PDB file of N, CA and C in Angstrom:
ATOM      1  N   MET A   1     158.500 116.323  16.516  1.00  0.00           N
ATOM      2  CA  MET A   1     158.735 117.236  15.268  1.00  0.00           C
ATOM      3  C   MET A   1     160.275 117.552  15.729  1.00  0.00           C
ATOM      4  N   LYS A   2     161.383 117.403  14.984  1.00  0.00           N
ATOM      5  CA  LYS A   2     162.582 117.701  15.233  1.00  0.00           C
ATOM      6  C   LYS A   2     163.199 118.743  14.117  1.00  0.00           C
ATOM      7  N   THR A   3     164.115 119.914  14.166  1.00  0.00           N
ATOM      8  CA  THR A   3     164.258 120.678  13.291  1.00  0.00           C
ATOM      9  C   THR A   3     165.882 120.440  13.082  1.00  0.00           C
ATOM     10  N   LEU A   4     166.187 120.129  11.494  1.00  0.00           N
ATOM     11  CA  LEU A   4     167.503 119.633  11.213  1.00  0.00           C
ATOM     12  C   LEU A   4     167.724 120.796   9.947  1.00  0.00           C
ATOM     13  N   LYS A   5     169.498 120.974  10.116  1.00  0.00           N
ATOM     14  CA  LYS A   5     169.713 121.397   8.995  1.00  0.00           C
ATOM     15  C   LYS A   5     170.822 120.816   8.261  1.00  0.00           C
ATOM     16  N   LEU A   6     170.965 120.928   6.927  1.00  0.00           N
ATOM     17  CA  LEU A   6     172.364 120.416   6.196  1.00  0.00           C
ATOM     18  C   LEU A   6     173.021 121.368   5.233  1.00  0.00           C
ATOM     19  N   ASN A   7     173.864 122.267   5.327  1.00  0.00           N
ATOM     20  CA  ASN A   7     174.125 123.129   4.751  1.00  0.00           C
ATOM     21  C   ASN A   7     173.085 124.474   4.853  1.00  0.00           C
ATOM     22  N   ASP A   8     172.248 124.599   4.037  1.00  0.00           N
ATOM     23  CA  ASP A   8     171.246 125.892   4.244  1.00  0.00           C
ATOM     24  C   ASP A   8     169.894 125.562   4.333  1.00  0.00           C
ATOM     25  N   LYS A   9     169.900 124.616   4.084  1.00  0.00           N
ATOM     26  CA  LYS A   9     168.499 123.714   4.031  1.00  0.00           C
ATOM     27  C   LYS A   9     168.101 123.266   5.125  1.00  0.00           C
ATOM     28  N   ILE A  10     167.079 123.907   5.742  1.00  0.00           N
ATOM     29  CA  ILE A  10     166.454 123.864   6.970  1.00  0.00           C
ATOM     30  C   ILE A  10     164.948 122.890   6.914  1.00  0.00           C
ATOM     31  N   ILE A  11     165.011 121.893   7.717  1.00  0.00           N
ATOM     32  CA  ILE A  11     163.632 121.139   7.167  1.00  0.00           C
ATOM     33  C   ILE A  11     163.014 120.436   8.979  1.00  0.00           C
ATOM     34  N   ARG A  12     161.602 120.488   8.842  1.00  0.00           N
ATOM     35  CA  ARG A  12     161.007 119.608  10.162  1.00  0.00           C
ATOM     36  C   ARG A  12     160.875 118.291   9.792  1.00  0.00           C
ATOM     37  N   VAL A  13     161.122 117.433  10.929  1.00  0.00           N
ATOM     38  CA  VAL A  13     160.924 116.211  10.772  1.00  0.00           C
ATOM     39  C   VAL A  13     160.400 115.185  11.451  1.00  0.00           C
ATOM     40  N   ALA A  14     159.674 114.224  11.352  1.00  0.00           N
ATOM     41  CA  ALA A  14     158.740 113.848  12.610  1.00  0.00           C
ATOM     42  C   ALA A  14     159.950 112.753  13.351  1.00  0.00           C
ATOM     43  N   ASP A  15     159.689 112.711  14.631  1.00  0.00           N
ATOM     44  CA  ASP A  15     160.520 111.854  15.185  1.00  0.00           C
ATOM     45  C   ASP A  15     161.112 110.695  15.217  1.00  0.00           C
ATOM     46  N   ASN A  16     160.118 109.644  14.580  1.00  0.00           N
ATOM     47  CA  ASN A  16     160.844 108.607  14.319  1.00  0.00           C
ATOM     48  C   ASN A  16     161.607 108.266  12.778  1.00  0.00           C
ATOM     49  N   ASP A  17     161.596 109.400  12.046  1.00  0.00           N
ATOM     50  CA  ASP A  17     162.228 109.592  10.733  1.00  0.00           C
ATOM     51  C   ASP A  17     163.877 110.670  11.129  1.00  0.00           C
ATOM     52  N   THR A  18     164.197 110.859  12.532  1.00  0.00           N
ATOM     53  CA  THR A  18     165.224 111.916  12.576  1.00  0.00           C
ATOM     54  C   THR A  18     166.416 111.267  12.482  1.00  0.00           C
ATOM     55  N   ASN A  19     166.668 109.523  13.099  1.00  0.00           N
ATOM     56  CA  ASN A  19     167.775 109.100  12.904  1.00  0.00           C
ATOM     57  C   ASN A  19     168.290 109.045  11.392  1.00  0.00           C
ATOM     58  N   ARG A  20     167.301 109.052  10.707  1.00  0.00           N
ATOM     59  CA  ARG A  20     167.815 108.453   9.170  1.00  0.00           C
ATOM     60  C   ARG A  20     168.693 109.828   8.472  1.00  0.00           C
ATOM     61  N   PHE A  21     168.152 110.843   8.908  1.00  0.00           N
ATOM     62  CA  PHE A  21     168.498 111.894   8.321  1.00  0.00           C
ATOM     63  C   PHE A  21     169.907 112.544   8.941  1.00  0.00           C
ATOM     64  N   LEU A  22     169.867 112.077  10.555  1.00  0.00           N
ATOM     65  CA  LEU A  22     171.476 112.291  11.108  1.00  0.00           C
ATOM     66  C   LEU A  22     172.329 111.568  10.452  1.00  0.00           C
ATOM     67  N   LYS A  23     171.904 110.342  10.023  1.00  0.00           N
ATOM     68  CA  LYS A  23     173.408 109.482   9.299  1.00  0.00           C
ATOM     69  C   LYS A  23     173.664 110.274   7.761  1.00  0.00           C
ATOM     70  N   VAL A  24     172.612 110.845   7.249  1.00  0.00           N
ATOM     71  CA  VAL A  24     172.784 111.684   6.331  1.00  0.00           C
ATOM     72  C   VAL A  24     173.864 112.574   6.277  1.00  0.00           C
ATOM     73  N   GLY A  25     173.866 113.001   7.259  1.00  0.00           N
ATOM     74  CA  GLY A  25     174.356 114.739   7.910  1.00  0.00           C
ATOM     75  C   GLY A  25     173.875 115.712   8.339  1.00  0.00           C
ATOM     76  N   TYR A  26     172.820 115.618   8.374  1.00  0.00           N
ATOM     77  CA  TYR A  26     171.785 116.579   9.213  1.00  0.00           C
ATOM     78  C   TYR A  26     172.266 116.923  10.431  1.00  0.00           C
ATOM     79  N   THR A  27     171.879 118.112  10.793  1.00  0.00           N
ATOM     80  CA  THR A  27     172.241 118.448  12.580  1.00  0.00           C
ATOM     81  C   THR A  27     171.155 119.071  13.069  1.00  0.00           C
ATOM     82  N   PHE A  28     170.953 118.989  14.386  1.00  0.00           N
ATOM     83  CA  PHE A  28     169.871 119.611  15.231  1.00  0.00           C
ATOM     84  C   PHE A  28     170.399 121.232  14.979  1.00  0.00           C
ATOM     85  N   VAL A  29     169.309 121.922  15.109  1.00  0.00           N
ATOM     86  CA  VAL A  29     169.181 123.481  14.927  1.00  0.00           C
ATOM     87  C   VAL A  29     167.756 123.960  15.837  1.00  0.00           C
ATOM     88  N   PRO A  30     167.682 125.017  16.246  1.00  0.00           N
ATOM     89  CA  PRO A  30     166.885 125.559  17.353  1.00  0.00           C
ATOM     90  C   PRO A  30     165.723 125.662  16.044  1.00  0.00           C
ATOM     91  N   LYS A  31     164.451 125.353  16.832  1.00  0.00           N
ATOM     92  CA  LYS A  31     163.181 125.642  15.966  1.00  0.00           C
ATOM     93  C   LYS A  31     162.821 127.019  15.486  1.00  0.00           C
ATOM     94  N   SER A  32     163.433 127.903  16.518  1.00  0.00           N
ATOM     95  CA  SER A  32     163.575 129.694  16.154  1.00  0.00           C
ATOM     96  C   SER A  32     164.060 129.582  14.923  1.00  0.00           C
ATOM     97  N   GLU A  33     165.055 129.157  14.341  1.00  0.00           N
ATOM     98  CA  GLU A  33     165.931 129.276  13.166  1.00  0.00           C
ATOM     99  C   GLU A  33     165.024 128.924  12.133  1.00  0.00           C
ATOM    100  N   TRP A  34     164.293 127.976  12.345  1.00  0.00           N
ATOM    101  CA  TRP A  34     163.363 127.589  11.162  1.00  0.00           C
ATOM    102  C   TRP A  34     162.237 128.289  10.882  1.00  0.00           C
ATOM    103  N   LYS A  35     161.521 129.106  11.748  1.00  0.00           N
ATOM    104  CA  LYS A  35     160.683 129.891  12.203  1.00  0.00           C
ATOM    105  C   LYS A  35     161.317 131.247  11.357  1.00  0.00           C
ATOM    106  N   THR A  36     162.281 131.652  11.420  1.00  0.00           N
ATOM    107  CA  THR A  36     162.739 133.068  11.059  1.00  0.00           C
ATOM    108  C   THR A  36     162.962 132.848   9.596  1.00  0.00           C
ATOM    109  N   LYS A  37     163.619 131.534   9.211  1.00  0.00           N
ATOM    110  CA  LYS A  37     164.540 131.443   7.783  1.00  0.00           C
ATOM    111  C   LYS A  37     163.223 130.792   6.797  1.00  0.00           C
ATOM    112  N   VAL A  38     162.450 129.684   7.669  1.00  0.00           N
ATOM    113  CA  VAL A  38     161.698 129.085   6.336  1.00  0.00           C
ATOM    114  C   VAL A  38     160.215 129.649   6.757  1.00  0.00           C
ATOM    115  N   ARG A  39     159.779 129.441   8.117  1.00  0.00           N
ATOM    116  CA  ARG A  39     158.198 129.557   8.165  1.00  0.00           C
ATOM    117  C   ARG A  39     157.685 130.881   7.829  1.00  0.00           C
ATOM    118  N   ASP A  40     158.490 131.807   8.226  1.00  0.00           N
ATOM    119  CA  ASP A  40     158.113 133.259   8.106  1.00  0.00           C
ATOM    120  C   ASP A  40     158.790 134.005   7.062  1.00  0.00           C
ATOM    121  N   ALA A  41     159.476 133.652   6.358  1.00  0.00           N
ATOM    122  CA  ALA A  41     160.803 133.950   5.429  1.00  0.00           C
ATOM    123  C   ALA A  41     159.948 134.531   4.217  1.00  0.00           C
ATOM    124  N   ASN A  42     158.765 134.263   4.054  1.00  0.00           N
ATOM    125  CA  ASN A  42     158.077 135.080   2.728  1.00  0.00           C
ATOM    126  C   ASN A  42     156.859 135.666   3.140  1.00  0.00           C
ATOM    127  N   LYS A  43     156.413 135.972   4.607  1.00  0.00           N
ATOM    128  CA  LYS A  43     155.499 136.815   5.229  1.00  0.00           C
ATOM    129  C   LYS A  43     155.770 137.866   5.183  1.00  0.00           C
ATOM    130  N   THR A  44     154.680 138.672   4.720  1.00  0.00           N
ATOM    131  CA  THR A  44     154.829 140.632   5.023  1.00  0.00           C
ATOM    132  C   THR A  44     153.972 140.818   6.196  1.00  0.00           C
ATOM    133  N   VAL A  45     154.349 141.763   7.184  1.00  0.00           N
ATOM    134  CA  VAL A  45     152.955 142.210   8.319  1.00  0.00           C
ATOM    135  C   VAL A  45     152.869 143.384   7.934  1.00  0.00           C
ATOM    136  N   ASN A  46     151.448 143.452   7.769  1.00  0.00           N
ATOM    137  CA  ASN A  46     150.848 144.924   7.472  1.00  0.00           C
ATOM    138  C   ASN A  46     150.268 145.224   9.071  1.00  0.00           C
ATOM    139  N   VAL A  47     150.840 146.502   9.306  1.00  0.00           N
ATOM    140  CA  VAL A  47     150.439 146.655  10.560  1.00  0.00           C
ATOM    141  C   VAL A  47     149.792 148.281  10.369  1.00  0.00           C
ATOM    142  N   GLU A  48     148.315 148.435  10.523  1.00  0.00           N
ATOM    143  CA  GLU A  48     148.115 150.011  10.281  1.00  0.00           C
ATOM    144  C   GLU A  48     146.963 149.992  11.293  1.00  0.00           C
ATOM    145  N   VAL A  49     147.178 151.226  12.027  1.00  0.00           N
ATOM    146  CA  VAL A  49     146.332 151.949  13.248  1.00  0.00           C
ATOM    147  C   VAL A  49     145.963 153.055  12.852  1.00  0.00           C
ATOM    148  N   ALA A  50     144.440 152.852  12.709  1.00  0.00           N
ATOM    149  CA  ALA A  50     143.546 154.025  12.542  1.00  0.00           C
ATOM    150  C   ALA A  50     144.067 155.254  13.121  1.00  0.00           C
ATOM    151  N   SER A  51     143.879 156.288  12.492  1.00  0.00           N
ATOM    152  CA  SER A  51     144.144 157.719  13.305  1.00  0.00           C
ATOM    153  C   SER A  51     142.831 157.737  14.457  1.00  0.00           C
ATOM    154  N   ASP A  52     141.864 157.619  14.228  1.00  0.00           N
ATOM    155  CA  ASP A  52     140.641 157.621  15.254  1.00  0.00           C
ATOM    156  C   ASP A  52     140.873 156.958  16.273  1.00  0.00           C
ATOM    157  N   ALA A  53     141.425 155.815  16.276  1.00  0.00           N
ATOM    158  CA  ALA A  53     142.091 155.119  17.484  1.00  0.00           C
ATOM    159  C   ALA A  53     142.992 155.720  18.312  1.00  0.00           C
ATOM    160  N   VAL A  54     144.022 156.405  17.799  1.00  0.00           N
ATOM    161  CA  VAL A  54     144.947 157.299  18.437  1.00  0.00           C
ATOM    162  C   VAL A  54     144.345 158.474  19.265  1.00  0.00           C
ATOM    163  N   VAL A  55     143.066 159.168  18.459  1.00  0.00           N
ATOM    164  CA  VAL A  55     142.334 160.441  18.854  1.00  0.00           C
ATOM    165  C   VAL A  55     141.440 159.911  19.891  1.00  0.00           C
ATOM    166  N   ASP A  56     141.197 158.862  19.852  1.00  0.00           N
ATOM    167  CA  ASP A  56     140.147 158.342  21.050  1.00  0.00           C
ATOM    168  C   ASP A  56     140.683 157.928  22.236  1.00  0.00           C
ATOM    169  N   LYS A  57     142.372 157.323  22.025  1.00  0.00           N
ATOM    170  CA  LYS A  57     142.764 157.132  23.339  1.00  0.00           C
ATOM    171  C   LYS A  57     143.304 158.291  24.187  1.00  0.00           C
ATOM    172  N   LYS A  58     143.744 159.442  23.392  1.00  0.00           N
ATOM    173  CA  LYS A  58     143.880 160.592  23.709  1.00  0.00           C
ATOM    174  C   LYS A  58     142.648 161.453  24.499  1.00  0.00           C
ATOM    175  N   LEU A  59     141.652 161.178  23.917  1.00  0.00           N
ATOM    176  CA  LEU A  59     140.324 161.794  24.446  1.00  0.00           C
ATOM    177  C   LEU A  59     139.834 161.211  25.368  1.00  0.00           C
ATOM    178  N   ASN A  60     139.920 159.602  25.386  1.00  0.00           N
ATOM    179  CA  ASN A  60     139.545 159.238  26.850  1.00  0.00           C
ATOM    180  C   ASN A  60     140.745 159.646  27.950  1.00  0.00           C
ATOM    181  N   LYS A  61     141.778 159.812  27.708  1.00  0.00           N
ATOM    182  CA  LYS A  61     142.972 160.107  28.909  1.00  0.00           C
ATOM    183  C   LYS A  61     142.442 161.340  29.280  1.00  0.00           C
ATOM    184  N   ARG A  62     142.159 162.075  28.273  1.00  0.00           N
ATOM    185  CA  ARG A  62     141.650 163.630  28.958  1.00  0.00           C
ATOM    186  C   ARG A  62     140.417 163.785  29.930  1.00  0.00           C
ATOM    187  N   LEU A  63     139.262 162.716  29.412  1.00  0.00           N
ATOM    188  CA  LEU A  63     138.292 162.795  30.015  1.00  0.00           C
ATOM    189  C   LEU A  63     138.533 161.801  31.508  1.00  0.00           C
ATOM    190  N   LYS A  64     138.979 161.121  31.703  1.00  0.00           N
ATOM    191  CA  LYS A  64     139.410 160.484  32.772  1.00  0.00           C
ATOM    192  C   LYS A  64     140.448 161.246  33.706  1.00  0.00           C
ATOM    193  N   LEU A  65     141.084 162.486  33.311  1.00  0.00           N
ATOM    194  CA  LEU A  65     141.716 163.074  34.162  1.00  0.00           C
ATOM    195  C   LEU A  65     140.612 164.196  34.575  1.00  0.00           C
ATOM    196  N   LYS A  66     139.860 164.536  33.867  1.00  0.00           N
ATOM    197  CA  LYS A  66     139.024 165.514  34.404  1.00  0.00           C
ATOM    198  C   LYS A  66     138.136 165.419  35.333  1.00  0.00           C
ATOM    199  N   GLU A  67     137.888 163.578  35.293  1.00  0.00           N
ATOM    200  CA  GLU A  67     136.900 163.115  36.290  1.00  0.00           C
ATOM    201  C   GLU A  67     137.713 163.226  37.236  1.00  0.00           C
ATOM    202  N   LYS A  68     138.704 162.752  37.572  1.00  0.00           N
ATOM    203  CA  LYS A  68     139.649 162.517  38.664  1.00  0.00           C
ATOM    204  C   LYS A  68     139.415 164.275  39.566  1.00  0.00           C
ATOM    205  N   GLN A  69     139.729 164.880  38.667  1.00  0.00           N
ATOM    206  CA  GLN A  69     140.114 166.758  39.181  1.00  0.00           C
ATOM    207  C   GLN A  69     138.877 166.669  39.685  1.00  0.00           C
ATOM    208  N   ASN A  70     137.615 166.415  39.144  1.00  0.00           N
ATOM    209  CA  ASN A  70     136.473 167.314  39.868  1.00  0.00           C
ATOM    210  C   ASN A  70     135.983 166.272  40.887  1.00  0.00           C
ATOM    211  N   ARG A  71     136.365 165.264  41.327  1.00  0.00           N
ATOM    212  CA  ARG A  71     135.835 164.317  42.500  1.00  0.00           C
ATOM    213  C   ARG A  71     136.495 165.264  43.692  1.00  0.00           C
TER     214      ARG A  71
END
């Protein structure tokens, strides 16, 4: 697969079809450009961290510290 661009239109094309699109005026672009502008354009990322997880990390840290001190 190759990533090609003409004006603002970015497309992914099979290797054997690439020459046809290059003759029309398309140019090669990095795949990362396609990923950000086409593939991930409408994705929304929801990252939620439970407050319990943060508390557990702090608690584990304290317990490990006490364990080390008691040795």
